Amino acid sequence: MTVDDVREFVEEIRLSADDDEVAHSMEDELYVAVLQAIVNGADNPGKLAAEALRTKNIEFSRWCA
């Protein structure tokens, strides 16, 4: 996983923000993917995490049933 991959995923989430459930699921998926990349020895874990956390600036409802 690269920083560009994360940026693209964040943009996909931004484009899906009109559907809270989809956006929230995608956000969770991104976080798991970034954590897995870090566990697998990503060269730039801090940058990956920082880019992933940009999803917190996207407005959509985050809730769990």
Protein backbone atom coordinates (compact mmCIF):
# COMPACT_ATOMS: atom_id res chain seq x y z
CA MET A 1 0.00 0.00 0.00
CA THR A 2 1.28 3.43 -0.93
CA VAL A 3 0.36 6.91 0.21
CA ASP A 4 -1.22 7.44 -3.21
CA ASP A 5 -3.35 4.32 -2.69
CA VAL A 6 -4.59 5.75 0.60
CA ARG A 7 -5.29 9.13 -0.99
CA GLU A 8 -7.34 7.45 -3.72
CA PHE A 9 -9.29 5.47 -1.13
CA VAL A 10 -9.97 8.64 0.88
CA GLU A 11 -11.27 10.32 -2.28
CA GLU A 12 -13.55 7.34 -2.93
CA ILE A 13 -14.93 7.74 0.59
CA ARG A 14 -15.44 11.47 -0.03
CA LEU A 15 -17.40 10.65 -3.18
CA SER A 16 -19.54 8.17 -1.20
CA ALA A 17 -20.25 10.54 1.70
CA ASP A 18 -23.87 10.96 0.63
CA ASP A 19 -24.46 7.37 1.77
CA ASP A 20 -23.47 7.21 5.44
CA GLU A 21 -23.45 3.43 5.67
CA VAL A 22 -21.27 2.96 2.59
CA ALA A 23 -18.85 5.72 3.58
CA HIS A 24 -18.52 4.39 7.12
CA SER A 25 -17.92 0.84 5.89
CA MET A 26 -15.30 2.09 3.45
CA GLU A 27 -13.60 4.08 6.21
CA ASP A 28 -13.41 0.97 8.37
CA GLU A 29 -12.03 -1.01 5.43
CA LEU A 30 -9.37 1.64 4.81
CA TYR A 31 -8.25 1.66 8.44
CA VAL A 32 -7.91 -2.14 8.46
CA ALA A 33 -5.94 -2.06 5.21
CA VAL A 34 -3.58 0.62 6.53
CA LEU A 35 -3.05 -1.25 9.79
CA GLN A 36 -2.36 -4.45 7.87
CA ALA A 37 0.17 -2.64 5.68
CA ILE A 38 1.89 -1.33 8.80
CA VAL A 39 1.97 -4.82 10.35
CA ASN A 40 3.46 -6.11 7.11
CA GLY A 41 6.31 -3.60 7.36
CA ALA A 42 5.20 -0.59 5.32
CA ASP A 43 8.08 1.80 4.70
CA ASN A 44 6.09 4.86 5.72
CA PRO A 45 3.61 3.91 8.45
CA GLY A 46 3.21 7.44 9.79
CA LYS A 47 2.36 8.86 6.39
CA LEU A 48 -0.08 6.06 5.64
CA ALA A 49 -1.86 6.59 8.95
CA ALA A 50 -1.91 10.38 8.58
CA GLU A 51 -3.46 10.15 5.11
CA ALA A 52 -6.05 7.61 6.31
CA LEU A 53 -7.08 9.84 9.19
CA ARG A 54 -8.05 12.55 6.70
CA THR A 55 -11.37 10.71 6.44
CA LYS A 56 -12.27 12.29 9.77
CA ASN A 57 -12.61 15.58 7.86
CA ILE A 58 -15.32 14.10 5.63
CA GLU A 59 -18.84 14.80 6.83
CA PHE A 60 -21.02 11.72 7.16
CA SER A 61 -22.74 9.97 10.04
CA ARG A 62 -20.69 7.30 11.77
CA TRP A 63 -22.78 4.87 13.76
CA CYS A 64 -23.00 1.20 14.60
CA ALA A 65 -26.04 -0.92 15.25
